[in-house]
Amino acid sequence: MSKTRLVTLLLTGAITVLSVHVLHRVLEGFRADLTAGDLYSLSDGSVRILDRMREEGVKPIEIKLYFSEASG
């Protein structure tokens, strides 16, 4: 393998790793619901409630839901 080809491969690999890193940082919080009918998207009312909570400085809440296939 020639020295020029090796340098080209190394540079290509470095650019690829850097590009993936930058994309990961830019799209870190991005989520997309691609289901039919937006099955996992928040309703407009829920979005308004969350916006109002942010404006009023309400602390985040955590809700844990438990589901059993046997009883469901």
PDB file of N, CA and C in Angstrom:
ATOM      1  N   MET A   1       0.851  -1.168   0.000  1.00  0.00           N
ATOM      2  CA  MET A   1       0.000   0.000   0.000  1.00  0.00           C
ATOM      3  C   MET A   1       0.896   1.230   0.000  1.00  0.00           C
ATOM      4  N   SER A   2       0.619   2.150  -0.888  1.00  0.00           N
ATOM      5  CA  SER A   2       1.475   3.327  -1.002  1.00  0.00           C
ATOM      6  C   SER A   2       1.194   4.288   0.153  1.00  0.00           C
ATOM      7  N   LYS A   3       2.170   5.136   0.393  1.00  0.00           N
ATOM      8  CA  LYS A   3       2.076   6.103   1.490  1.00  0.00           C
ATOM      9  C   LYS A   3       0.926   7.092   1.242  1.00  0.00           C
ATOM     10  N   THR A   4       0.714   7.494  -0.002  1.00  0.00           N
ATOM     11  CA  THR A   4      -0.356   8.434  -0.338  1.00  0.00           C
ATOM     12  C   THR A   4      -1.726   7.820  -0.048  1.00  0.00           C
ATOM     13  N   ARG A   5      -1.893   6.556  -0.390  1.00  0.00           N
ATOM     14  CA  ARG A   5      -3.171   5.873  -0.139  1.00  0.00           C
ATOM     15  C   ARG A   5      -3.436   5.736   1.353  1.00  0.00           C
ATOM     16  N   LEU A   6      -2.414   5.446   2.129  1.00  0.00           N
ATOM     17  CA  LEU A   6      -2.552   5.321   3.575  1.00  0.00           C
ATOM     18  C   LEU A   6      -2.963   6.657   4.195  1.00  0.00           C
ATOM     19  N   VAL A   7      -2.336   7.742   3.771  1.00  0.00           N
ATOM     20  CA  VAL A   7      -2.683   9.070   4.275  1.00  0.00           C
ATOM     21  C   VAL A   7      -4.124   9.423   3.894  1.00  0.00           C
ATOM     22  N   THR A   8      -4.527   9.087   2.695  1.00  0.00           N
ATOM     23  CA  THR A   8      -5.899   9.346   2.248  1.00  0.00           C
ATOM     24  C   THR A   8      -6.901   8.581   3.112  1.00  0.00           C
ATOM     25  N   LEU A   9      -6.623   7.325   3.373  1.00  0.00           N
ATOM     26  CA  LEU A   9      -7.510   6.523   4.217  1.00  0.00           C
ATOM     27  C   LEU A   9      -7.582   7.072   5.642  1.00  0.00           C
ATOM     28  N   LEU A  10      -6.458   7.461   6.201  1.00  0.00           N
ATOM     29  CA  LEU A  10      -6.437   8.025   7.554  1.00  0.00           C
ATOM     30  C   LEU A  10      -7.218   9.343   7.627  1.00  0.00           C
ATOM     31  N   LEU A  11      -7.027  10.200   6.647  1.00  0.00           N
ATOM     32  CA  LEU A  11      -7.756  11.467   6.618  1.00  0.00           C
ATOM     33  C   LEU A  11      -9.259  11.244   6.439  1.00  0.00           C
ATOM     34  N   THR A  12      -9.621  10.313   5.590  1.00  0.00           N
ATOM     35  CA  THR A  12     -11.029   9.984   5.387  1.00  0.00           C
ATOM     36  C   THR A  12     -11.644   9.463   6.683  1.00  0.00           C
ATOM     37  N   GLY A  13     -10.943   8.608   7.375  1.00  0.00           N
ATOM     38  CA  GLY A  13     -11.425   8.084   8.653  1.00  0.00           C
ATOM     39  C   GLY A  13     -11.570   9.185   9.690  1.00  0.00           C
ATOM     40  N   ALA A  14     -10.580  10.079   9.771  1.00  0.00           N
ATOM     41  CA  ALA A  14     -10.636  11.173  10.738  1.00  0.00           C
ATOM     42  C   ALA A  14     -11.796  12.121  10.433  1.00  0.00           C
ATOM     43  N   ILE A  15     -12.002  12.429   9.172  1.00  0.00           N
ATOM     44  CA  ILE A  15     -13.111  13.312   8.779  1.00  0.00           C
ATOM     45  C   ILE A  15     -14.444  12.647   9.104  1.00  0.00           C
ATOM     46  N   THR A  16     -14.553  11.352   8.877  1.00  0.00           N
ATOM     47  CA  THR A  16     -15.789  10.627   9.176  1.00  0.00           C
ATOM     48  C   THR A  16     -16.087  10.656  10.673  1.00  0.00           C
ATOM     49  N   VAL A  17     -15.093  10.369  11.490  1.00  0.00           N
ATOM     50  CA  VAL A  17     -15.290  10.378  12.946  1.00  0.00           C
ATOM     51  C   VAL A  17     -15.667  11.777  13.426  1.00  0.00           C
ATOM     52  N   LEU A  18     -14.994  12.789  12.926  1.00  0.00           N
ATOM     53  CA  LEU A  18     -15.296  14.167  13.312  1.00  0.00           C
ATOM     54  C   LEU A  18     -16.713  14.559  12.884  1.00  0.00           C
ATOM     55  N   SER A  19     -17.115  14.161  11.695  1.00  0.00           N
ATOM     56  CA  SER A  19     -18.459  14.483  11.197  1.00  0.00           C
ATOM     57  C   SER A  19     -19.538  13.831  12.053  1.00  0.00           C
ATOM     58  N   VAL A  20     -19.335  12.581  12.423  1.00  0.00           N
ATOM     59  CA  VAL A  20     -20.299  11.876  13.265  1.00  0.00           C
ATOM     60  C   VAL A  20     -20.387  12.559  14.630  1.00  0.00           C
ATOM     61  N   HIS A  21     -19.250  12.968  15.177  1.00  0.00           N
ATOM     62  CA  HIS A  21     -19.227  13.655  16.466  1.00  0.00           C
ATOM     63  C   HIS A  21     -19.998  14.984  16.404  1.00  0.00           C
ATOM     64  N   VAL A  22     -19.751  15.762  15.374  1.00  0.00           N
ATOM     65  CA  VAL A  22     -20.422  17.058  15.220  1.00  0.00           C
ATOM     66  C   VAL A  22     -21.930  16.858  15.046  1.00  0.00           C
ATOM     67  N   LEU A  23     -22.338  15.901  14.226  1.00  0.00           N
ATOM     68  CA  LEU A  23     -23.766  15.628  14.029  1.00  0.00           C
ATOM     69  C   LEU A  23     -24.423  15.178  15.330  1.00  0.00           C
ATOM     70  N   HIS A  24     -23.718  14.370  16.090  1.00  0.00           N
ATOM     71  CA  HIS A  24     -24.263  13.914  17.366  1.00  0.00           C
ATOM     72  C   HIS A  24     -24.485  15.097  18.307  1.00  0.00           C
ATOM     73  N   ARG A  25     -23.562  16.030  18.345  1.00  0.00           N
ATOM     74  CA  ARG A  25     -23.688  17.216  19.201  1.00  0.00           C
ATOM     75  C   ARG A  25     -24.828  18.132  18.738  1.00  0.00           C
ATOM     76  N   VAL A  26     -24.949  18.311  17.440  1.00  0.00           N
ATOM     77  CA  VAL A  26     -25.972  19.204  16.897  1.00  0.00           C
ATOM     78  C   VAL A  26     -27.373  18.614  17.094  1.00  0.00           C
ATOM     79  N   LEU A  27     -27.510  17.313  16.894  1.00  0.00           N
ATOM     80  CA  LEU A  27     -28.814  16.660  16.960  1.00  0.00           C
ATOM     81  C   LEU A  27     -29.059  15.965  18.296  1.00  0.00           C
ATOM     82  N   GLU A  28     -28.350  16.370  19.342  1.00  0.00           N
ATOM     83  CA  GLU A  28     -28.392  15.675  20.621  1.00  0.00           C
ATOM     84  C   GLU A  28     -29.802  15.524  21.196  1.00  0.00           C
ATOM     85  N   GLY A  29     -30.591  16.576  21.214  1.00  0.00           N
ATOM     86  CA  GLY A  29     -31.924  16.507  21.802  1.00  0.00           C
ATOM     87  C   GLY A  29     -33.034  16.305  20.790  1.00  0.00           C
ATOM     88  N   PHE A  30     -32.698  16.077  19.555  1.00  0.00           N
ATOM     89  CA  PHE A  30     -33.697  15.969  18.493  1.00  0.00           C
ATOM     90  C   PHE A  30     -34.399  14.618  18.547  1.00  0.00           C
ATOM     91  N   ARG A  31     -35.718  14.660  18.499  1.00  0.00           N
ATOM     92  CA  ARG A  31     -36.523  13.451  18.441  1.00  0.00           C
ATOM     93  C   ARG A  31     -37.549  13.607  17.330  1.00  0.00           C
ATOM     94  N   ALA A  32     -37.846  12.521  16.662  1.00  0.00           N
ATOM     95  CA  ALA A  32     -38.844  12.555  15.591  1.00  0.00           C
ATOM     96  C   ALA A  32     -39.788  11.368  15.756  1.00  0.00           C
ATOM     97  N   ASP A  33     -41.072  11.631  15.692  1.00  0.00           N
ATOM     98  CA  ASP A  33     -42.085  10.583  15.755  1.00  0.00           C
ATOM     99  C   ASP A  33     -42.475  10.237  14.325  1.00  0.00           C
ATOM    100  N   LEU A  34     -42.039   9.108  13.856  1.00  0.00           N
ATOM    101  CA  LEU A  34     -42.302   8.694  12.478  1.00  0.00           C
ATOM    102  C   LEU A  34     -43.414   7.644  12.394  1.00  0.00           C
ATOM    103  N   THR A  35     -44.147   7.458  13.506  1.00  0.00           N
ATOM    104  CA  THR A  35     -45.223   6.476  13.494  1.00  0.00           C
ATOM    105  C   THR A  35     -46.440   7.027  12.753  1.00  0.00           C
ATOM    106  N   ALA A  36     -47.275   6.128  12.282  1.00  0.00           N
ATOM    107  CA  ALA A  36     -48.507   6.540  11.610  1.00  0.00           C
ATOM    108  C   ALA A  36     -49.421   7.208  12.627  1.00  0.00           C
ATOM    109  N   GLY A  37     -49.883   8.395  12.335  1.00  0.00           N
ATOM    110  CA  GLY A  37     -50.777   9.117  13.229  1.00  0.00           C
ATOM    111  C   GLY A  37     -50.077   9.742  14.423  1.00  0.00           C
ATOM    112  N   ASP A  38     -48.777   9.898  14.371  1.00  0.00           N
ATOM    113  CA  ASP A  38     -47.999  10.501  15.473  1.00  0.00           C
ATOM    114  C   ASP A  38     -48.351   9.874  16.814  1.00  0.00           C
ATOM    115  N   LEU A  39     -48.236   8.573  16.890  1.00  0.00           N
ATOM    116  CA  LEU A  39     -48.624   7.804  18.060  1.00  0.00           C
ATOM    117  C   LEU A  39     -47.897   8.242  19.331  1.00  0.00           C
ATOM    118  N   TYR A  40     -46.622   8.634  19.227  1.00  0.00           N
ATOM    119  CA  TYR A  40     -45.829   8.970  20.406  1.00  0.00           C
ATOM    120  C   TYR A  40     -45.584  10.471  20.546  1.00  0.00           C
ATOM    121  N   SER A  41     -46.349  11.302  19.874  1.00  0.00           N
ATOM    122  CA  SER A  41     -46.190  12.753  19.967  1.00  0.00           C
ATOM    123  C   SER A  41     -47.125  13.317  21.031  1.00  0.00           C
ATOM    124  N   LEU A  42     -46.724  14.421  21.635  1.00  0.00           N
ATOM    125  CA  LEU A  42     -47.571  15.096  22.611  1.00  0.00           C
ATOM    126  C   LEU A  42     -48.688  15.847  21.898  1.00  0.00           C
ATOM    127  N   SER A  43     -49.836  15.906  22.546  1.00  0.00           N
ATOM    128  CA  SER A  43     -50.948  16.670  21.975  1.00  0.00           C
ATOM    129  C   SER A  43     -50.649  18.162  22.118  1.00  0.00           C
ATOM    130  N   ASP A  44     -51.403  18.983  21.389  1.00  0.00           N
ATOM    131  CA  ASP A  44     -51.213  20.441  21.472  1.00  0.00           C
ATOM    132  C   ASP A  44     -51.445  20.940  22.893  1.00  0.00           C
ATOM    133  N   GLY A  45     -52.442  20.384  23.577  1.00  0.00           N
ATOM    134  CA  GLY A  45     -52.722  20.786  24.953  1.00  0.00           C
ATOM    135  C   GLY A  45     -51.572  20.478  25.889  1.00  0.00           C
ATOM    136  N   SER A  46     -50.957  19.303  25.728  1.00  0.00           N
ATOM    137  CA  SER A  46     -49.810  18.933  26.568  1.00  0.00           C
ATOM    138  C   SER A  46     -48.623  19.850  26.309  1.00  0.00           C
ATOM    139  N   VAL A  47     -48.402  20.201  25.050  1.00  0.00           N
ATOM    140  CA  VAL A  47     -47.303  21.109  24.712  1.00  0.00           C
ATOM    141  C   VAL A  47     -47.544  22.477  25.350  1.00  0.00           C
ATOM    142  N   ARG A  48     -48.785  22.965  25.320  1.00  0.00           N
ATOM    143  CA  ARG A  48     -49.097  24.261  25.948  1.00  0.00           C
ATOM    144  C   ARG A  48     -48.874  24.218  27.455  1.00  0.00           C
ATOM    145  N   ILE A  49     -49.266  23.119  28.091  1.00  0.00           N
ATOM    146  CA  ILE A  49     -49.052  22.978  29.537  1.00  0.00           C
ATOM    147  C   ILE A  49     -47.565  22.995  29.862  1.00  0.00           C
ATOM    148  N   LEU A  50     -46.768  22.264  29.102  1.00  0.00           N
ATOM    149  CA  LEU A  50     -45.320  22.239  29.340  1.00  0.00           C
ATOM    150  C   LEU A  50     -44.687  23.605  29.104  1.00  0.00           C
ATOM    151  N   ASP A  51     -45.133  24.311  28.069  1.00  0.00           N
ATOM    152  CA  ASP A  51     -44.615  25.666  27.820  1.00  0.00           C
ATOM    153  C   ASP A  51     -44.941  26.597  28.981  1.00  0.00           C
ATOM    154  N   ARG A  52     -46.175  26.503  29.486  1.00  0.00           N
ATOM    155  CA  ARG A  52     -46.570  27.348  30.613  1.00  0.00           C
ATOM    156  C   ARG A  52     -45.763  27.006  31.864  1.00  0.00           C
ATOM    157  N   MET A  53     -45.499  25.716  32.073  1.00  0.00           N
ATOM    158  CA  MET A  53     -44.687  25.296  33.225  1.00  0.00           C
ATOM    159  C   MET A  53     -43.280  25.861  33.129  1.00  0.00           C
ATOM    160  N   ARG A  54     -42.707  25.861  31.922  1.00  0.00           N
ATOM    161  CA  ARG A  54     -41.366  26.428  31.736  1.00  0.00           C
ATOM    162  C   ARG A  54     -41.358  27.923  32.012  1.00  0.00           C
ATOM    163  N   GLU A  55     -42.387  28.616  31.528  1.00  0.00           N
ATOM    164  CA  GLU A  55     -42.486  30.068  31.733  1.00  0.00           C
ATOM    165  C   GLU A  55     -42.604  30.409  33.218  1.00  0.00           C
ATOM    166  N   GLU A  56     -43.347  29.609  33.967  1.00  0.00           N
ATOM    167  CA  GLU A  56     -43.573  29.879  35.383  1.00  0.00           C
ATOM    168  C   GLU A  56     -42.456  29.348  36.268  1.00  0.00           C
ATOM    169  N   GLY A  57     -41.516  28.631  35.681  1.00  0.00           N
ATOM    170  CA  GLY A  57     -40.381  28.121  36.446  1.00  0.00           C
ATOM    171  C   GLY A  57     -40.704  26.911  37.303  1.00  0.00           C
ATOM    172  N   VAL A  58     -41.721  26.146  36.912  1.00  0.00           N
ATOM    173  CA  VAL A  58     -42.088  24.948  37.655  1.00  0.00           C
ATOM    174  C   VAL A  58     -41.007  23.899  37.454  1.00  0.00           C
ATOM    175  N   LYS A  59     -40.626  23.240  38.536  1.00  0.00           N
ATOM    176  CA  LYS A  59     -39.600  22.211  38.442  1.00  0.00           C
ATOM    177  C   LYS A  59     -40.150  20.984  37.713  1.00  0.00           C
ATOM    178  N   PRO A  60     -39.294  20.280  36.996  1.00  0.00           N
ATOM    179  CA  PRO A  60     -39.749  19.087  36.269  1.00  0.00           C
ATOM    180  C   PRO A  60     -40.291  18.026  37.230  1.00  0.00           C
ATOM    181  N   ILE A  61     -41.240  17.255  36.757  1.00  0.00           N
ATOM    182  CA  ILE A  61     -41.784  16.159  37.546  1.00  0.00           C
ATOM    183  C   ILE A  61     -41.427  14.851  36.866  1.00  0.00           C
ATOM    184  N   GLU A  62     -41.397  13.805  37.655  1.00  0.00           N
ATOM    185  CA  GLU A  62     -41.090  12.485  37.107  1.00  0.00           C
ATOM    186  C   GLU A  62     -42.260  11.570  37.416  1.00  0.00           C
ATOM    187  N   ILE A  63     -42.749  10.907  36.412  1.00  0.00           N
ATOM    188  CA  ILE A  63     -43.870   9.988  36.574  1.00  0.00           C
ATOM    189  C   ILE A  63     -43.406   8.606  36.152  1.00  0.00           C
ATOM    190  N   LYS A  64     -43.613   7.651  37.029  1.00  0.00           N
ATOM    191  CA  LYS A  64     -43.275   6.258  36.704  1.00  0.00           C
ATOM    192  C   LYS A  64     -44.572   5.492  36.509  1.00  0.00           C
ATOM    193  N   LEU A  65     -44.680   4.834  35.396  1.00  0.00           N
ATOM    194  CA  LEU A  65     -45.844   4.021  35.098  1.00  0.00           C
ATOM    195  C   LEU A  65     -45.413   2.554  35.046  1.00  0.00           C
ATOM    196  N   TYR A  66     -46.195   1.708  35.662  1.00  0.00           N
ATOM    197  CA  TYR A  66     -45.902   0.288  35.655  1.00  0.00           C
ATOM    198  C   TYR A  66     -47.056  -0.424  34.969  1.00  0.00           C
ATOM    199  N   PHE A  67     -46.725  -1.360  34.095  1.00  0.00           N
ATOM    200  CA  PHE A  67     -47.737  -2.071  33.340  1.00  0.00           C
ATOM    201  C   PHE A  67     -47.417  -3.550  33.369  1.00  0.00           C
ATOM    202  N   SER A  68     -48.416  -4.341  33.638  1.00  0.00           N
ATOM    203  CA  SER A  68     -48.252  -5.781  33.646  1.00  0.00           C
ATOM    204  C   SER A  68     -49.058  -6.382  32.503  1.00  0.00           C
ATOM    205  N   GLU A  69     -48.418  -7.191  31.704  1.00  0.00           N
ATOM    206  CA  GLU A  69     -49.141  -7.839  30.601  1.00  0.00           C
ATOM    207  C   GLU A  69     -50.206  -8.785  31.136  1.00  0.00           C
ATOM    208  N   ALA A  70     -49.989  -9.341  32.312  1.00  0.00           N
ATOM    209  CA  ALA A  70     -50.951 -10.272  32.887  1.00  0.00           C
ATOM    210  C   ALA A  70     -52.239  -9.563  33.297  1.00  0.00           C
ATOM    211  N   SER A  71     -52.122  -8.358  33.853  1.00  0.00           N
ATOM    212  CA  SER A  71     -53.320  -7.648  34.304  1.00  0.00           C
ATOM    213  C   SER A  71     -53.835  -6.660  33.261  1.00  0.00           C
ATOM    214  N   GLY A  72     -53.063  -6.391  32.223  1.00  0.00           N
ATOM    215  CA  GLY A  72     -53.463  -5.421  31.227  1.00  0.00           C
ATOM    216  C   GLY A  72     -54.293  -6.037  30.159  1.00  0.00           C
TER     217      GLY A  72
END
